[in-house]
Amino acid sequence: DVNFDRMRQHFTSYVPLAAIIGAVVLAEMAL
């Protein structure tokens, strides 16, 4: 019974960490 609306309220706070992880994954794939 997860309240996804409450989780989406703080969605923008995860964007910096997600961008860092995405950049690391892209760098590994490029290598």
PDB file of all heavy atoms in Angstrom:
ATOM      1  N   ASP A   1       0.854  -1.180   0.000  1.00  0.00           N
ATOM      2  CA  ASP A   1       0.000   0.000   0.000  1.00  0.00           C
ATOM      3  C   ASP A   1       0.894   1.236   0.000  1.00  0.00           C
ATOM      4  O   ASP A   1       1.083   1.889   1.025  1.00  0.00           O
ATOM      5  CB  ASP A   1      -0.926  -0.028   1.213  1.00  0.00           C
ATOM      6  CG  ASP A   1      -1.976   1.057   1.136  1.00  0.00           C
ATOM      7  OD1 ASP A   1      -2.166   1.620   0.036  1.00  0.00           O
ATOM      8  OD2 ASP A   1      -2.605   1.347   2.169  1.00  0.00           O
ATOM      9  N   VAL A   2       1.474   1.532  -1.162  1.00  0.00           N
ATOM     10  CA  VAL A   2       2.409   2.647  -1.274  1.00  0.00           C
ATOM     11  C   VAL A   2       1.676   3.857  -1.843  1.00  0.00           C
ATOM     12  O   VAL A   2       0.965   3.744  -2.851  1.00  0.00           O
ATOM     13  CB  VAL A   2       3.600   2.276  -2.182  1.00  0.00           C
ATOM     14  CG1 VAL A   2       4.549   3.442  -2.323  1.00  0.00           C
ATOM     15  CG2 VAL A   2       4.324   1.067  -1.626  1.00  0.00           C
ATOM     16  N   ASN A   3       1.840   4.996  -1.201  1.00  0.00           N
ATOM     17  CA  ASN A   3       1.246   6.236  -1.683  1.00  0.00           C
ATOM     18  C   ASN A   3       2.206   6.875  -2.678  1.00  0.00           C
ATOM     19  O   ASN A   3       3.144   7.576  -2.302  1.00  0.00           O
ATOM     20  CB  ASN A   3       0.967   7.172  -0.500  1.00  0.00           C
ATOM     21  CG  ASN A   3       0.132   8.361  -0.915  1.00  0.00           C
ATOM     22  OD1 ASN A   3      -0.225   8.507  -2.095  1.00  0.00           O
ATOM     23  ND2 ASN A   3      -0.201   9.211   0.035  1.00  0.00           N
ATOM     24  N   PHE A   4       1.971   6.604  -3.974  1.00  0.00           N
ATOM     25  CA  PHE A   4       2.880   7.097  -4.995  1.00  0.00           C
ATOM     26  C   PHE A   4       2.757   8.605  -5.191  1.00  0.00           C
ATOM     27  O   PHE A   4       3.705   9.242  -5.640  1.00  0.00           O
ATOM     28  CB  PHE A   4       2.622   6.377  -6.319  1.00  0.00           C
ATOM     29  CG  PHE A   4       3.027   4.925  -6.283  1.00  0.00           C
ATOM     30  CD1 PHE A   4       2.078   3.936  -6.119  1.00  0.00           C
ATOM     31  CD2 PHE A   4       4.353   4.564  -6.403  1.00  0.00           C
ATOM     32  CE1 PHE A   4       2.450   2.606  -6.087  1.00  0.00           C
ATOM     33  CE2 PHE A   4       4.740   3.237  -6.368  1.00  0.00           C
ATOM     34  CZ  PHE A   4       3.781   2.261  -6.206  1.00  0.00           C
ATOM     35  N   ASP A   5       1.613   9.179  -4.877  1.00  0.00           N
ATOM     36  CA  ASP A   5       1.473  10.637  -5.004  1.00  0.00           C
ATOM     37  C   ASP A   5       2.399  11.360  -4.033  1.00  0.00           C
ATOM     38  O   ASP A   5       2.992  12.390  -4.367  1.00  0.00           O
ATOM     39  CB  ASP A   5       0.016  11.042  -4.747  1.00  0.00           C
ATOM     40  CG  ASP A   5      -0.910  10.518  -5.825  1.00  0.00           C
ATOM     41  OD1 ASP A   5      -0.443  10.375  -6.980  1.00  0.00           O
ATOM     42  OD2 ASP A   5      -2.081  10.245  -5.528  1.00  0.00           O
ATOM     43  N   ARG A   6       2.523  10.825  -2.831  1.00  0.00           N
ATOM     44  CA  ARG A   6       3.428  11.435  -1.859  1.00  0.00           C
ATOM     45  C   ARG A   6       4.882  11.261  -2.289  1.00  0.00           C
ATOM     46  O   ARG A   6       5.717  12.144  -2.073  1.00  0.00           O
ATOM     47  CB  ARG A   6       3.220  10.788  -0.493  1.00  0.00           C
ATOM     48  CG  ARG A   6       4.049  11.402   0.610  1.00  0.00           C
ATOM     49  CD  ARG A   6       3.779  10.724   1.924  1.00  0.00           C
ATOM     50  NE  ARG A   6       2.391  10.869   2.322  1.00  0.00           N
ATOM     51  CZ  ARG A   6       1.850  10.266   3.391  1.00  0.00           C
ATOM     52  NH1 ARG A   6       2.596   9.482   4.147  1.00  0.00           N
ATOM     53  NH2 ARG A   6       0.580  10.443   3.691  1.00  0.00           N
ATOM     54  N   MET A   7       5.218  10.133  -2.933  1.00  0.00           N
ATOM     55  CA  MET A   7       6.587   9.929  -3.406  1.00  0.00           C
ATOM     56  C   MET A   7       6.923  10.868  -4.561  1.00  0.00           C
ATOM     57  O   MET A   7       8.056  11.305  -4.707  1.00  0.00           O
ATOM     58  CB  MET A   7       6.775   8.475  -3.837  1.00  0.00           C
ATOM     59  CG  MET A   7       6.700   7.477  -2.701  1.00  0.00           C
ATOM     60  SD  MET A   7       6.800   5.776  -3.280  1.00  0.00           S
ATOM     61  CE  MET A   7       8.411   5.777  -4.038  1.00  0.00           C
ATOM     62  N   ARG A   8       5.924  11.179  -5.394  1.00  0.00           N
ATOM     63  CA  ARG A   8       6.187  12.049  -6.542  1.00  0.00           C
ATOM     64  C   ARG A   8       6.387  13.509  -6.128  1.00  0.00           C
ATOM     65  O   ARG A   8       6.892  14.304  -6.911  1.00  0.00           O
ATOM     66  CB  ARG A   8       5.033  11.954  -7.543  1.00  0.00           C
ATOM     67  CG  ARG A   8       4.962  10.625  -8.265  1.00  0.00           C
ATOM     68  CD  ARG A   8       3.987  10.673  -9.418  1.00  0.00           C
ATOM     69  NE  ARG A   8       3.738   9.345  -9.941  1.00  0.00           N
ATOM     70  CZ  ARG A   8       2.684   8.598  -9.638  1.00  0.00           C
ATOM     71  NH1 ARG A   8       1.778   9.061  -8.798  1.00  0.00           N
ATOM     72  NH2 ARG A   8       2.537   7.395 -10.148  1.00  0.00           N
ATOM     73  N   GLN A   9       5.961  13.864  -4.917  1.00  0.00           N
ATOM     74  CA  GLN A   9       6.139  15.245  -4.477  1.00  0.00           C
ATOM     75  C   GLN A   9       7.618  15.605  -4.342  1.00  0.00           C
ATOM     76  O   GLN A   9       8.006  16.739  -4.562  1.00  0.00           O
ATOM     77  CB  GLN A   9       5.424  15.450  -3.139  1.00  0.00           C
ATOM     78  CG  GLN A   9       3.907  15.390  -3.251  1.00  0.00           C
ATOM     79  CD  GLN A   9       3.239  15.509  -1.902  1.00  0.00           C
ATOM     80  OE1 GLN A   9       3.910  15.584  -0.870  1.00  0.00           O
ATOM     81  NE2 GLN A   9       1.911  15.518  -1.888  1.00  0.00           N
ATOM     82  N   HIS A  10       8.461  14.638  -3.976  1.00  0.00           N
ATOM     83  CA  HIS A  10       9.891  14.874  -3.795  1.00  0.00           C
ATOM     84  C   HIS A  10      10.696  14.332  -4.968  1.00  0.00           C
ATOM     85  O   HIS A  10      11.865  13.969  -4.806  1.00  0.00           O
ATOM     86  CB  HIS A  10      10.368  14.228  -2.492  1.00  0.00           C
ATOM     87  CG  HIS A  10       9.572  14.654  -1.292  1.00  0.00           C
ATOM     88  ND1 HIS A  10       9.654  15.921  -0.757  1.00  0.00           N
ATOM     89  CD2 HIS A  10       8.663  13.997  -0.538  1.00  0.00           C
ATOM     90  CE1 HIS A  10       8.843  16.017   0.284  1.00  0.00           C
ATOM     91  NE2 HIS A  10       8.229  14.865   0.433  1.00  0.00           N
ATOM     92  N   PHE A  11      10.060  14.236  -6.141  1.00  0.00           N
ATOM     93  CA  PHE A  11      10.736  13.659  -7.300  1.00  0.00           C
ATOM     94  C   PHE A  11      11.915  14.506  -7.749  1.00  0.00           C
ATOM     95  O   PHE A  11      12.962  13.983  -8.136  1.00  0.00           O
ATOM     96  CB  PHE A  11       9.732  13.491  -8.445  1.00  0.00           C
ATOM     97  CG  PHE A  11      10.335  12.938  -9.698  1.00  0.00           C
ATOM     98  CD1 PHE A  11      10.661  11.598  -9.793  1.00  0.00           C
ATOM     99  CD2 PHE A  11      10.586  13.760 -10.788  1.00  0.00           C
ATOM    100  CE1 PHE A  11      11.225  11.083 -10.940  1.00  0.00           C
ATOM    101  CE2 PHE A  11      11.148  13.255 -11.938  1.00  0.00           C
ATOM    102  CZ  PHE A  11      11.470  11.917 -12.018  1.00  0.00           C
ATOM    103  N   THR A  12      11.774  15.823  -7.684  1.00  0.00           N
ATOM    104  CA  THR A  12      12.852  16.698  -8.161  1.00  0.00           C
ATOM    105  C   THR A  12      14.096  16.636  -7.283  1.00  0.00           C
ATOM    106  O   THR A  12      15.185  16.974  -7.738  1.00  0.00           O
ATOM    107  CB  THR A  12      12.348  18.149  -8.234  1.00  0.00           C
ATOM    108  OG1 THR A  12      11.835  18.531  -6.938  1.00  0.00           O
ATOM    109  CG2 THR A  12      11.257  18.294  -9.276  1.00  0.00           C
ATOM    110  N   SER A  13      13.956  16.196  -6.040  1.00  0.00           N
ATOM    111  CA  SER A  13      15.129  16.111  -5.171  1.00  0.00           C
ATOM    112  C   SER A  13      16.066  14.979  -5.587  1.00  0.00           C
ATOM    113  O   SER A  13      17.244  14.979  -5.206  1.00  0.00           O
ATOM    114  CB  SER A  13      14.704  15.912  -3.714  1.00  0.00           C
ATOM    115  OG  SER A  13      13.999  14.692  -3.573  1.00  0.00           O
ATOM    116  N   TYR A  14      15.555  14.009  -6.375  1.00  0.00           N
ATOM    117  CA  TYR A  14      16.385  12.889  -6.817  1.00  0.00           C
ATOM    118  C   TYR A  14      17.105  13.175  -8.138  1.00  0.00           C
ATOM    119  O   TYR A  14      17.912  12.356  -8.579  1.00  0.00           O
ATOM    120  CB  TYR A  14      15.546  11.621  -6.988  1.00  0.00           C
ATOM    121  CG  TYR A  14      14.856  11.175  -5.726  1.00  0.00           C
ATOM    122  CD1 TYR A  14      13.473  11.144  -5.646  1.00  0.00           C
ATOM    123  CD2 TYR A  14      15.588  10.776  -4.611  1.00  0.00           C
ATOM    124  CE1 TYR A  14      12.830  10.732  -4.496  1.00  0.00           C
ATOM    125  CE2 TYR A  14      14.957  10.369  -3.453  1.00  0.00           C
ATOM    126  CZ  TYR A  14      13.576  10.346  -3.399  1.00  0.00           C
ATOM    127  OH  TYR A  14      12.959   9.947  -2.264  1.00  0.00           O
ATOM    128  N   VAL A  15      16.795  14.289  -8.787  1.00  0.00           N
ATOM    129  CA  VAL A  15      17.347  14.567 -10.119  1.00  0.00           C
ATOM    130  C   VAL A  15      18.872  14.707 -10.096  1.00  0.00           C
ATOM    131  O   VAL A  15      19.557  14.137 -10.966  1.00  0.00           O
ATOM    132  CB  VAL A  15      16.663  15.811 -10.725  1.00  0.00           C
ATOM    133  CG1 VAL A  15      17.354  16.234 -12.010  1.00  0.00           C
ATOM    134  CG2 VAL A  15      15.197  15.523 -10.992  1.00  0.00           C
ATOM    135  N   PRO A  16      19.494  15.422  -9.143  1.00  0.00           N
ATOM    136  CA  PRO A  16      20.970  15.517  -9.183  1.00  0.00           C
ATOM    137  C   PRO A  16      21.669  14.163  -9.045  1.00  0.00           C
ATOM    138  O   PRO A  16      22.595  13.857  -9.800  1.00  0.00           O
ATOM    139  CB  PRO A  16      21.296  16.432  -7.995  1.00  0.00           C
ATOM    140  CG  PRO A  16      20.053  17.209  -7.757  1.00  0.00           C
ATOM    141  CD  PRO A  16      18.925  16.295  -8.095  1.00  0.00           C
ATOM    142  N   LEU A  17      21.201  13.338  -8.104  1.00  0.00           N
ATOM    143  CA  LEU A  17      21.813  12.018  -7.937  1.00  0.00           C
ATOM    144  C   LEU A  17      21.585  11.149  -9.168  1.00  0.00           C
ATOM    145  O   LEU A  17      22.504  10.431  -9.617  1.00  0.00           O
ATOM    146  CB  LEU A  17      21.247  11.336  -6.684  1.00  0.00           C
ATOM    147  CG  LEU A  17      21.783   9.937  -6.374  1.00  0.00           C
ATOM    148  CD1 LEU A  17      23.285   9.997  -6.135  1.00  0.00           C
ATOM    149  CD2 LEU A  17      21.060   9.337  -5.193  1.00  0.00           C
ATOM    150  N   ALA A  18      20.391  11.221  -9.747  1.00  0.00           N
ATOM    151  CA  ALA A  18      20.104  10.446 -10.957  1.00  0.00           C
ATOM    152  C   ALA A  18      20.973  10.908 -12.122  1.00  0.00           C
ATOM    153  O   ALA A  18      21.438  10.090 -12.928  1.00  0.00           O
ATOM    154  CB  ALA A  18      18.623  10.566 -11.321  1.00  0.00           C
ATOM    155  N   ALA A  19      21.218  12.211 -12.226  1.00  0.00           N
ATOM    156  CA  ALA A  19      22.081  12.721 -13.296  1.00  0.00           C
ATOM    157  C   ALA A  19      23.518  12.249 -13.128  1.00  0.00           C
ATOM    158  O   ALA A  19      24.181  11.883 -14.104  1.00  0.00           O
ATOM    159  CB  ALA A  19      22.022  14.249 -13.316  1.00  0.00           C
ATOM    160  N   ILE A  20      24.012  12.215 -11.882  1.00  0.00           N
ATOM    161  CA  ILE A  20      25.377  11.735 -11.644  1.00  0.00           C
ATOM    162  C   ILE A  20      25.497  10.259 -12.010  1.00  0.00           C
ATOM    163  O   ILE A  20      26.450   9.836 -12.693  1.00  0.00           O
ATOM    164  CB  ILE A  20      25.776  11.983 -10.176  1.00  0.00           C
ATOM    165  CG1 ILE A  20      25.868  13.485  -9.901  1.00  0.00           C
ATOM    166  CG2 ILE A  20      27.089  11.287  -9.838  1.00  0.00           C
ATOM    167  CD1 ILE A  20      26.059  13.824  -8.444  1.00  0.00           C
ATOM    168  N   ILE A  21      24.536   9.451 -11.553  1.00  0.00           N
ATOM    169  CA  ILE A  21      24.582   8.013 -11.859  1.00  0.00           C
ATOM    170  C   ILE A  21      24.461   7.774 -13.359  1.00  0.00           C
ATOM    171  O   ILE A  21      25.161   6.933 -13.934  1.00  0.00           O
ATOM    172  CB  ILE A  21      23.472   7.275 -11.081  1.00  0.00           C
ATOM    173  CG1 ILE A  21      23.754   7.354  -9.581  1.00  0.00           C
ATOM    174  CG2 ILE A  21      23.366   5.825 -11.522  1.00  0.00           C
ATOM    175  CD1 ILE A  21      22.659   6.790  -8.726  1.00  0.00           C
ATOM    176  N   GLY A  22      23.588   8.532 -14.027  1.00  0.00           N
ATOM    177  CA  GLY A  22      23.460   8.397 -15.476  1.00  0.00           C
ATOM    178  C   GLY A  22      24.729   8.769 -16.208  1.00  0.00           C
ATOM    179  O   GLY A  22      25.122   8.104 -17.186  1.00  0.00           O
ATOM    180  N   ALA A  23      25.411   9.807 -15.735  1.00  0.00           N
ATOM    181  CA  ALA A  23      26.675  10.200 -16.367  1.00  0.00           C
ATOM    182  C   ALA A  23      27.749   9.136 -16.170  1.00  0.00           C
ATOM    183  O   ALA A  23      28.520   8.842 -17.097  1.00  0.00           O
ATOM    184  CB  ALA A  23      27.148  11.537 -15.786  1.00  0.00           C
ATOM    185  N   VAL A  24      27.784   8.519 -14.989  1.00  0.00           N
ATOM    186  CA  VAL A  24      28.760   7.450 -14.748  1.00  0.00           C
ATOM    187  C   VAL A  24      28.482   6.250 -15.650  1.00  0.00           C
ATOM    188  O   VAL A  24      29.408   5.662 -16.242  1.00  0.00           O
ATOM    189  CB  VAL A  24      28.747   7.039 -13.256  1.00  0.00           C
ATOM    190  CG1 VAL A  24      29.568   5.781 -13.032  1.00  0.00           C
ATOM    191  CG2 VAL A  24      29.265   8.177 -12.399  1.00  0.00           C
ATOM    192  N   VAL A  25      27.199   5.879 -15.784  1.00  0.00           N
ATOM    193  CA  VAL A  25      26.840   4.745 -16.653  1.00  0.00           C
ATOM    194  C   VAL A  25      27.199   5.044 -18.099  1.00  0.00           C
ATOM    195  O   VAL A  25      27.745   4.188 -18.818  1.00  0.00           O
ATOM    196  CB  VAL A  25      25.343   4.416 -16.494  1.00  0.00           C
ATOM    197  CG1 VAL A  25      24.897   3.411 -17.541  1.00  0.00           C
ATOM    198  CG2 VAL A  25      25.064   3.876 -15.112  1.00  0.00           C
ATOM    199  N   LEU A  26      26.911   6.264 -18.572  1.00  0.00           N
ATOM    200  CA  LEU A  26      27.265   6.633 -19.941  1.00  0.00           C
ATOM    201  C   LEU A  26      28.771   6.627 -20.163  1.00  0.00           C
ATOM    202  O   LEU A  26      29.256   6.196 -21.223  1.00  0.00           O
ATOM    203  CB  LEU A  26      26.689   8.009 -20.277  1.00  0.00           C
ATOM    204  CG  LEU A  26      25.184   8.057 -20.562  1.00  0.00           C
ATOM    205  CD1 LEU A  26      24.740   9.487 -20.794  1.00  0.00           C
ATOM    206  CD2 LEU A  26      24.831   7.191 -21.759  1.00  0.00           C
ATOM    207  N   ALA A  27      29.535   7.074 -19.163  1.00  0.00           N
ATOM    208  CA  ALA A  27      30.996   7.056 -19.290  1.00  0.00           C
ATOM    209  C   ALA A  27      31.522   5.626 -19.368  1.00  0.00           C
ATOM    210  O   ALA A  27      32.411   5.322 -20.177  1.00  0.00           O
ATOM    211  CB  ALA A  27      31.626   7.795 -18.108  1.00  0.00           C
ATOM    212  N   GLU A  28      30.966   4.746 -18.543  1.00  0.00           N
ATOM    213  CA  GLU A  28      31.391   3.344 -18.594  1.00  0.00           C
ATOM    214  C   GLU A  28      31.064   2.720 -19.945  1.00  0.00           C
ATOM    215  O   GLU A  28      31.889   1.994 -20.526  1.00  0.00           O
ATOM    216  CB  GLU A  28      30.730   2.556 -17.466  1.00  0.00           C
ATOM    217  CG  GLU A  28      31.238   2.911 -16.086  1.00  0.00           C
ATOM    218  CD  GLU A  28      30.500   2.172 -15.003  1.00  0.00           C
ATOM    219  OE1 GLU A  28      29.491   1.504 -15.327  1.00  0.00           O
ATOM    220  OE2 GLU A  28      30.924   2.237 -13.837  1.00  0.00           O
ATOM    221  N   MET A  29      29.855   2.987 -20.465  1.00  0.00           N
ATOM    222  CA  MET A  29      29.487   2.446 -21.769  1.00  0.00           C
ATOM    223  C   MET A  29      30.376   3.013 -22.871  1.00  0.00           C
ATOM    224  O   MET A  29      30.776   2.282 -23.797  1.00  0.00           O
ATOM    225  CB  MET A  29      28.010   2.739 -22.062  1.00  0.00           C
ATOM    226  CG  MET A  29      27.050   1.973 -21.176  1.00  0.00           C
ATOM    227  SD  MET A  29      25.326   2.420 -21.455  1.00  0.00           S
ATOM    228  CE  MET A  29      25.107   1.899 -23.125  1.00  0.00           C
ATOM    229  N   ALA A  30      30.713   4.292 -22.783  1.00  0.00           N
ATOM    230  CA  ALA A  30      31.588   4.893 -23.794  1.00  0.00           C
ATOM    231  C   ALA A  30      32.979   4.274 -23.747  1.00  0.00           C
ATOM    232  O   ALA A  30      33.589   4.006 -24.795  1.00  0.00           O
ATOM    233  CB  ALA A  30      31.668   6.404 -23.573  1.00  0.00           C
ATOM    234  N   LEU A  31      33.488   4.001 -22.529  1.00  0.00           N
ATOM    235  CA  LEU A  31      34.792   3.350 -22.416  1.00  0.00           C
ATOM    236  C   LEU A  31      34.782   1.950 -23.014  1.00  0.00           C
ATOM    237  O   LEU A  31      35.723   1.540 -23.710  1.00  0.00           O
ATOM    238  CB  LEU A  31      35.224   3.298 -20.947  1.00  0.00           C
ATOM    239  CG  LEU A  31      35.677   4.611 -20.319  1.00  0.00           C
ATOM    240  CD1 LEU A  31      35.931   4.426 -18.831  1.00  0.00           C
ATOM    241  CD2 LEU A  31      36.925   5.116 -21.013  1.00  0.00           C
TER     242      LEU A  31
END
